[in-house]
Amino acid sequence: SPSQWQRLWVAPDRDSYKQNLAASLFADVLQ
């Protein structure tokens, strides 16, 4: 989403944010 994209660029730890974002988006697969 646009808001998730924007928070990516302002996140203090960009890599950690990417991991959390991916976990959220692919939660069903991980489950």
All heavy atoms as atom14 arrays in JSON, in Angstrom:
{
  "sequence": "SPSQWQRLWVAPDRDSYKQNLAASLFADVLQ",
  "atom14_mask": [
    [1, 1, 1, 1, 1, 1, 0, 0, 0, 0, 0, 0, 0, 0],
    [1, 1, 1, 1, 1, 1, 1, 0, 0, 0, 0, 0, 0, 0],
    [1, 1, 1, 1, 1, 1, 0, 0, 0, 0, 0, 0, 0, 0],
    [1, 1, 1, 1, 1, 1, 1, 1, 1, 0, 0, 0, 0, 0],
    [1, 1, 1, 1, 1, 1, 1, 1, 1, 1, 1, 1, 1, 1],
    [1, 1, 1, 1, 1, 1, 1, 1, 1, 0, 0, 0, 0, 0],
    [1, 1, 1, 1, 1, 1, 1, 1, 1, 1, 1, 0, 0, 0],
    [1, 1, 1, 1, 1, 1, 1, 1, 0, 0, 0, 0, 0, 0],
    [1, 1, 1, 1, 1, 1, 1, 1, 1, 1, 1, 1, 1, 1],
    [1, 1, 1, 1, 1, 1, 1, 0, 0, 0, 0, 0, 0, 0],
    [1, 1, 1, 1, 1, 0, 0, 0, 0, 0, 0, 0, 0, 0],
    [1, 1, 1, 1, 1, 1, 1, 0, 0, 0, 0, 0, 0, 0],
    [1, 1, 1, 1, 1, 1, 1, 1, 0, 0, 0, 0, 0, 0],
    [1, 1, 1, 1, 1, 1, 1, 1, 1, 1, 1, 0, 0, 0],
    [1, 1, 1, 1, 1, 1, 1, 1, 0, 0, 0, 0, 0, 0],
    [1, 1, 1, 1, 1, 1, 0, 0, 0, 0, 0, 0, 0, 0],
    [1, 1, 1, 1, 1, 1, 1, 1, 1, 1, 1, 1, 0, 0],
    [1, 1, 1, 1, 1, 1, 1, 1, 1, 0, 0, 0, 0, 0],
    [1, 1, 1, 1, 1, 1, 1, 1, 1, 0, 0, 0, 0, 0],
    [1, 1, 1, 1, 1, 1, 1, 1, 0, 0, 0, 0, 0, 0],
    [1, 1, 1, 1, 1, 1, 1, 1, 0, 0, 0, 0, 0, 0],
    [1, 1, 1, 1, 1, 0, 0, 0, 0, 0, 0, 0, 0, 0],
    [1, 1, 1, 1, 1, 0, 0, 0, 0, 0, 0, 0, 0, 0],
    [1, 1, 1, 1, 1, 1, 0, 0, 0, 0, 0, 0, 0, 0],
    [1, 1, 1, 1, 1, 1, 1, 1, 0, 0, 0, 0, 0, 0],
    [1, 1, 1, 1, 1, 1, 1, 1, 1, 1, 1, 0, 0, 0],
    [1, 1, 1, 1, 1, 0, 0, 0, 0, 0, 0, 0, 0, 0],
    [1, 1, 1, 1, 1, 1, 1, 1, 0, 0, 0, 0, 0, 0],
    [1, 1, 1, 1, 1, 1, 1, 0, 0, 0, 0, 0, 0, 0],
    [1, 1, 1, 1, 1, 1, 1, 1, 0, 0, 0, 0, 0, 0],
    [1, 1, 1, 1, 1, 1, 1, 1, 1, 0, 0, 0, 0, 0]
  ],
  "atom14_positions": [
    [[0.85, -1.21, 0.0], [0.0, 0.0, 0.0], [0.88, 1.25, 0.0], [2.05, 1.19, 0.4], [-0.91, -0.01, 1.23], [-0.13, 0.1, 2.41], [0.0, 0.0, 0.0], [0.0, 0.0, 0.0], [0.0, 0.0, 0.0], [0.0, 0.0, 0.0], [0.0, 0.0, 0.0], [0.0, 0.0, 0.0], [0.0, 0.0, 0.0], [0.0, 0.0, 0.0]],
    [[0.32, 2.39, -0.46], [1.1, 3.64, -0.49], [1.64, 4.01, 0.9], [2.78, 4.47, 1.03], [0.09, 4.67, -0.98], [-0.86, 3.88, -1.82], [-0.98, 2.57, -1.12], [0.0, 0.0, 0.0], [0.0, 0.0, 0.0], [0.0, 0.0, 0.0], [0.0, 0.0, 0.0], [0.0, 0.0, 0.0], [0.0, 0.0, 0.0], [0.0, 0.0, 0.0]],
    [[0.84, 3.8, 1.94], [1.31, 4.15, 3.29], [2.46, 3.26, 3.7], [3.42, 3.7, 4.33], [0.15, 4.03, 4.28], [-0.37, 2.69, 4.29], [0.0, 0.0, 0.0], [0.0, 0.0, 0.0], [0.0, 0.0, 0.0], [0.0, 0.0, 0.0], [0.0, 0.0, 0.0], [0.0, 0.0, 0.0], [0.0, 0.0, 0.0], [0.0, 0.0, 0.0]],
    [[2.38, 1.94, 3.37], [3.47, 1.02, 3.7], [4.74, 1.41, 2.93], [5.85, 1.31, 3.47], [3.06, -0.43, 3.37], [1.96, -0.98, 4.27], [1.46, -2.33, 3.79], [1.59, -2.65, 2.59], [0.9, -3.1, 4.72], [0.0, 0.0, 0.0], [0.0, 0.0, 0.0], [0.0, 0.0, 0.0], [0.0, 0.0, 0.0], [0.0, 0.0, 0.0]],
    [[4.53, 1.83, 1.69], [5.69, 2.26, 0.85], [6.35, 3.49, 1.44], [7.57, 3.56, 1.5], [5.2, 2.5, -0.57], [6.25, 3.04, -1.51], [6.44, 4.35, -1.85], [7.25, 2.31, -2.18], [7.5, 4.5, -2.7], [8.03, 3.21, -2.92], [7.58, 0.94, -2.23], [9.11, 2.82, -3.71], [8.65, 0.58, -3.04], [9.41, 1.49, -3.76]],
    [[5.56, 4.4, 1.9], [6.11, 5.63, 2.47], [6.84, 5.36, 3.78], [7.9, 5.92, 4.06], [4.98, 6.64, 2.7], [4.37, 7.19, 1.41], [3.21, 8.1, 1.66], [2.82, 8.33, 2.81], [2.64, 8.65, 0.56], [0.0, 0.0, 0.0], [0.0, 0.0, 0.0], [0.0, 0.0, 0.0], [0.0, 0.0, 0.0], [0.0, 0.0, 0.0]],
    [[6.25, 4.46, 4.64], [6.89, 4.17, 5.93], [8.23, 3.46, 5.72], [9.12, 3.55, 6.55], [5.96, 3.3, 6.8], [4.84, 4.13, 7.46], [4.2, 3.34, 8.59], [3.5, 2.15, 8.13], [2.22, 2.16, 7.77], [1.53, 3.3, 7.82], [1.65, 1.05, 7.35], [0.0, 0.0, 0.0], [0.0, 0.0, 0.0], [0.0, 0.0, 0.0]],
    [[8.35, 2.76, 4.59], [9.61, 2.08, 4.3], [10.76, 3.09, 4.23], [11.85, 2.85, 4.74], [9.49, 1.3, 2.99], [10.79, 0.72, 2.41], [11.38, -0.32, 3.36], [10.52, 0.1, 1.03], [0.0, 0.0, 0.0], [0.0, 0.0, 0.0], [0.0, 0.0, 0.0], [0.0, 0.0, 0.0], [0.0, 0.0, 0.0], [0.0, 0.0, 0.0]],
    [[10.51, 4.22, 3.61], [11.58, 5.17, 3.38], [11.9, 6.02, 4.6], [12.97, 6.62, 4.68], [11.23, 6.07, 2.18], [11.04, 5.26, 0.93], [9.89, 4.93, 0.32], [12.08, 4.68, 0.18], [10.1, 4.16, -0.8], [11.49, 3.97, -0.9], [13.49, 4.64, 0.29], [12.22, 3.26, -1.86], [14.2, 3.93, -0.7], [13.56, 3.24, -1.73]],
    [[10.99, 6.01, 5.55], [11.27, 6.79, 6.76], [11.61, 5.9, 7.96], [11.86, 6.4, 9.06], [10.07, 7.7, 7.11], [9.83, 8.73, 6.0], [8.81, 6.9, 7.37], [0.0, 0.0, 0.0], [0.0, 0.0, 0.0], [0.0, 0.0, 0.0], [0.0, 0.0, 0.0], [0.0, 0.0, 0.0], [0.0, 0.0, 0.0], [0.0, 0.0, 0.0]],
    [[11.6, 4.58, 7.73], [11.87, 3.65, 8.84], [13.32, 3.76, 9.26], [14.21, 3.86, 8.41], [11.55, 2.22, 8.41], [0.0, 0.0, 0.0], [0.0, 0.0, 0.0], [0.0, 0.0, 0.0], [0.0, 0.0, 0.0], [0.0, 0.0, 0.0], [0.0, 0.0, 0.0], [0.0, 0.0, 0.0], [0.0, 0.0, 0.0], [0.0, 0.0, 0.0]],
    [[13.61, 3.79, 10.58], [15.0, 3.85, 11.08], [15.81, 2.65, 10.6], [16.97, 2.76, 10.27], [14.84, 3.84, 12.6], [13.44, 4.29, 12.85], [12.63, 3.79, 11.69], [0.0, 0.0, 0.0], [0.0, 0.0, 0.0], [0.0, 0.0, 0.0], [0.0, 0.0, 0.0], [0.0, 0.0, 0.0], [0.0, 0.0, 0.0], [0.0, 0.0, 0.0]],
    [[15.18, 1.43, 10.63], [15.87, 0.22, 10.19], [15.09, -0.34, 9.01], [14.1, -1.04, 9.17], [15.94, -0.82, 11.33], [16.81, -2.01, 10.97], [17.16, -2.17, 9.78], [17.13, -2.83, 11.88], [0.0, 0.0, 0.0], [0.0, 0.0, 0.0], [0.0, 0.0, 0.0], [0.0, 0.0, 0.0], [0.0, 0.0, 0.0], [0.0, 0.0, 0.0]],
    [[15.56, 0.0, 7.83], [14.82, -0.34, 6.63], [14.73, -1.87, 6.42], [13.69, -2.4, 6.03], [15.45, 0.35, 5.43], [14.61, 0.31, 4.16], [15.24, 1.17, 3.08], [15.27, 2.57, 3.5], [15.82, 3.55, 2.77], [16.42, 3.24, 1.62], [15.79, 4.8, 3.2], [0.0, 0.0, 0.0], [0.0, 0.0, 0.0], [0.0, 0.0, 0.0]],
    [[15.8, -2.59, 6.67], [15.81, -4.05, 6.47], [14.83, -4.76, 7.41], [14.1, -5.68, 7.01], [17.22, -4.61, 6.69], [18.18, -4.17, 5.59], [17.68, -3.88, 4.48], [19.39, -4.15, 5.85], [0.0, 0.0, 0.0], [0.0, 0.0, 0.0], [0.0, 0.0, 0.0], [0.0, 0.0, 0.0], [0.0, 0.0, 0.0], [0.0, 0.0, 0.0]],
    [[14.81, -4.29, 8.68], [13.89, -4.89, 9.64], [12.44, -4.63, 9.24], [11.57, -5.51, 9.36], [14.16, -4.3, 11.04], [13.25, -4.81, 11.98], [0.0, 0.0, 0.0], [0.0, 0.0, 0.0], [0.0, 0.0, 0.0], [0.0, 0.0, 0.0], [0.0, 0.0, 0.0], [0.0, 0.0, 0.0], [0.0, 0.0, 0.0], [0.0, 0.0, 0.0]],
    [[12.21, -3.41, 8.71], [10.85, -3.07, 8.27], [10.43, -3.95, 7.1], [9.29, -4.41, 7.02], [10.78, -1.59, 7.89], [9.39, -1.16, 7.45], [8.4, -0.87, 8.4], [9.08, -1.09, 6.08], [7.13, -0.51, 7.97], [7.81, -0.73, 5.68], [6.84, -0.44, 6.63], [5.56, -0.1, 6.22], [0.0, 0.0, 0.0], [0.0, 0.0, 0.0]],
    [[11.38, -4.2, 6.17], [11.07, -5.05, 5.02], [10.67, -6.47, 5.48], [9.74, -7.07, 4.95], [12.27, -5.13, 4.09], [12.52, -3.86, 3.26], [13.73, -4.07, 2.36], [14.0, -2.82, 1.53], [15.16, -3.01, 0.64], [0.0, 0.0, 0.0], [0.0, 0.0, 0.0], [0.0, 0.0, 0.0], [0.0, 0.0, 0.0], [0.0, 0.0, 0.0]],
    [[11.4, -6.98, 6.47], [11.09, -8.32, 6.97], [9.7, -8.39, 7.6], [8.93, -9.32, 7.36], [12.15, -8.76, 8.0], [13.53, -9.02, 7.37], [14.56, -9.41, 8.42], [14.27, -9.42, 9.62], [15.77, -9.71, 7.96], [0.0, 0.0, 0.0], [0.0, 0.0, 0.0], [0.0, 0.0, 0.0], [0.0, 0.0, 0.0], [0.0, 0.0, 0.0]],
    [[9.39, -7.38, 8.41], [8.07, -7.34, 9.05], [6.97, -7.18, 8.0], [5.9, -7.78, 8.11], [8.0, -6.19, 10.04], [8.9, -6.42, 11.26], [9.15, -7.57, 11.62], [9.38, -5.34, 11.87], [0.0, 0.0, 0.0], [0.0, 0.0, 0.0], [0.0, 0.0, 0.0], [0.0, 0.0, 0.0], [0.0, 0.0, 0.0], [0.0, 0.0, 0.0]],
    [[7.25, -6.35, 6.96], [6.28, -6.14, 5.91], [6.02, -7.43, 5.14], [4.87, -7.79, 4.87], [6.78, -5.05, 4.95], [5.88, -4.71, 3.77], [4.51, -4.22, 4.26], [6.55, -3.66, 2.87], [0.0, 0.0, 0.0], [0.0, 0.0, 0.0], [0.0, 0.0, 0.0], [0.0, 0.0, 0.0], [0.0, 0.0, 0.0], [0.0, 0.0, 0.0]],
    [[7.11, -8.13, 4.81], [6.97, -9.39, 4.08], [6.21, -10.42, 4.93], [5.36, -11.17, 4.43], [8.34, -9.93, 3.7], [0.0, 0.0, 0.0], [0.0, 0.0, 0.0], [0.0, 0.0, 0.0], [0.0, 0.0, 0.0], [0.0, 0.0, 0.0], [0.0, 0.0, 0.0], [0.0, 0.0, 0.0], [0.0, 0.0, 0.0], [0.0, 0.0, 0.0]],
    [[6.52, -10.47, 6.24], [5.82, -11.41, 7.13], [4.34, -11.11, 7.19], [3.51, -12.03, 7.26], [6.45, -11.34, 8.53], [0.0, 0.0, 0.0], [0.0, 0.0, 0.0], [0.0, 0.0, 0.0], [0.0, 0.0, 0.0], [0.0, 0.0, 0.0], [0.0, 0.0, 0.0], [0.0, 0.0, 0.0], [0.0, 0.0, 0.0], [0.0, 0.0, 0.0]],
    [[4.0, -9.84, 7.15], [2.59, -9.45, 7.19], [1.89, -9.8, 5.89], [0.77, -10.32, 5.89], [2.48, -7.95, 7.45], [1.14, -7.52, 7.38], [0.0, 0.0, 0.0], [0.0, 0.0, 0.0], [0.0, 0.0, 0.0], [0.0, 0.0, 0.0], [0.0, 0.0, 0.0], [0.0, 0.0, 0.0], [0.0, 0.0, 0.0], [0.0, 0.0, 0.0]],
    [[2.57, -9.52, 4.74], [1.95, -9.77, 3.45], [1.83, -11.27, 3.13], [0.88, -11.7, 2.48], [2.75, -9.06, 2.35], [2.76, -7.52, 2.4], [3.7, -6.95, 1.34], [1.35, -6.98, 2.19], [0.0, 0.0, 0.0], [0.0, 0.0, 0.0], [0.0, 0.0, 0.0], [0.0, 0.0, 0.0], [0.0, 0.0, 0.0], [0.0, 0.0, 0.0]],
    [[2.78, -12.04, 3.57], [2.78, -13.49, 3.28], [2.46, -14.33, 4.53], [2.93, -15.46, 4.7], [4.14, -13.91, 2.71], [4.46, -13.29, 1.38], [5.2, -12.12, 1.29], [3.98, -13.87, 0.2], [5.48, -11.54, 0.06], [4.27, -13.27, -1.03], [5.0, -12.12, -1.1], [0.0, 0.0, 0.0], [0.0, 0.0, 0.0], [0.0, 0.0, 0.0]],
    [[1.66, -13.75, 5.41], [1.33, -14.43, 6.68], [0.65, -15.78, 6.44], [0.9, -16.76, 7.14], [0.45, -13.53, 7.53], [0.0, 0.0, 0.0], [0.0, 0.0, 0.0], [0.0, 0.0, 0.0], [0.0, 0.0, 0.0], [0.0, 0.0, 0.0], [0.0, 0.0, 0.0], [0.0, 0.0, 0.0], [0.0, 0.0, 0.0], [0.0, 0.0, 0.0]],
    [[-0.25, -15.84, 5.44], [-0.97, -17.09, 5.18], [-0.03, -18.21, 4.74], [-0.18, -19.38, 5.12], [-2.05, -16.88, 4.14], [-1.48, -16.33, 2.84], [-0.44, -15.63, 2.89], [-2.07, -16.62, 1.78], [0.0, 0.0, 0.0], [0.0, 0.0, 0.0], [0.0, 0.0, 0.0], [0.0, 0.0, 0.0], [0.0, 0.0, 0.0], [0.0, 0.0, 0.0]],
    [[0.97, -17.86, 3.94], [1.93, -18.86, 3.47], [2.78, -19.36, 4.62], [3.04, -20.57, 4.78], [2.82, -18.27, 2.35], [3.86, -19.31, 1.89], [1.96, -17.81, 1.18], [0.0, 0.0, 0.0], [0.0, 0.0, 0.0], [0.0, 0.0, 0.0], [0.0, 0.0, 0.0], [0.0, 0.0, 0.0], [0.0, 0.0, 0.0], [0.0, 0.0, 0.0]],
    [[3.24, -18.38, 5.44], [4.06, -18.77, 6.59], [3.26, -19.65, 7.57], [3.79, -20.62, 8.12], [4.56, -17.51, 7.3], [5.56, -16.64, 6.51], [5.85, -15.33, 7.26], [6.84, -17.4, 6.26], [0.0, 0.0, 0.0], [0.0, 0.0, 0.0], [0.0, 0.0, 0.0], [0.0, 0.0, 0.0], [0.0, 0.0, 0.0], [0.0, 0.0, 0.0]],
    [[1.95, -19.31, 7.75], [1.11, -20.08, 8.67], [0.92, -21.51, 8.15], [0.96, -22.47, 8.91], [-0.26, -19.4, 8.82], [-1.2, -20.11, 9.8], [-0.66, -20.09, 11.22], [-0.02, -19.11, 11.63], [-0.92, -21.16, 11.97], [0.0, 0.0, 0.0], [0.0, 0.0, 0.0], [0.0, 0.0, 0.0], [0.0, 0.0, 0.0], [0.0, 0.0, 0.0]]
  ]
}
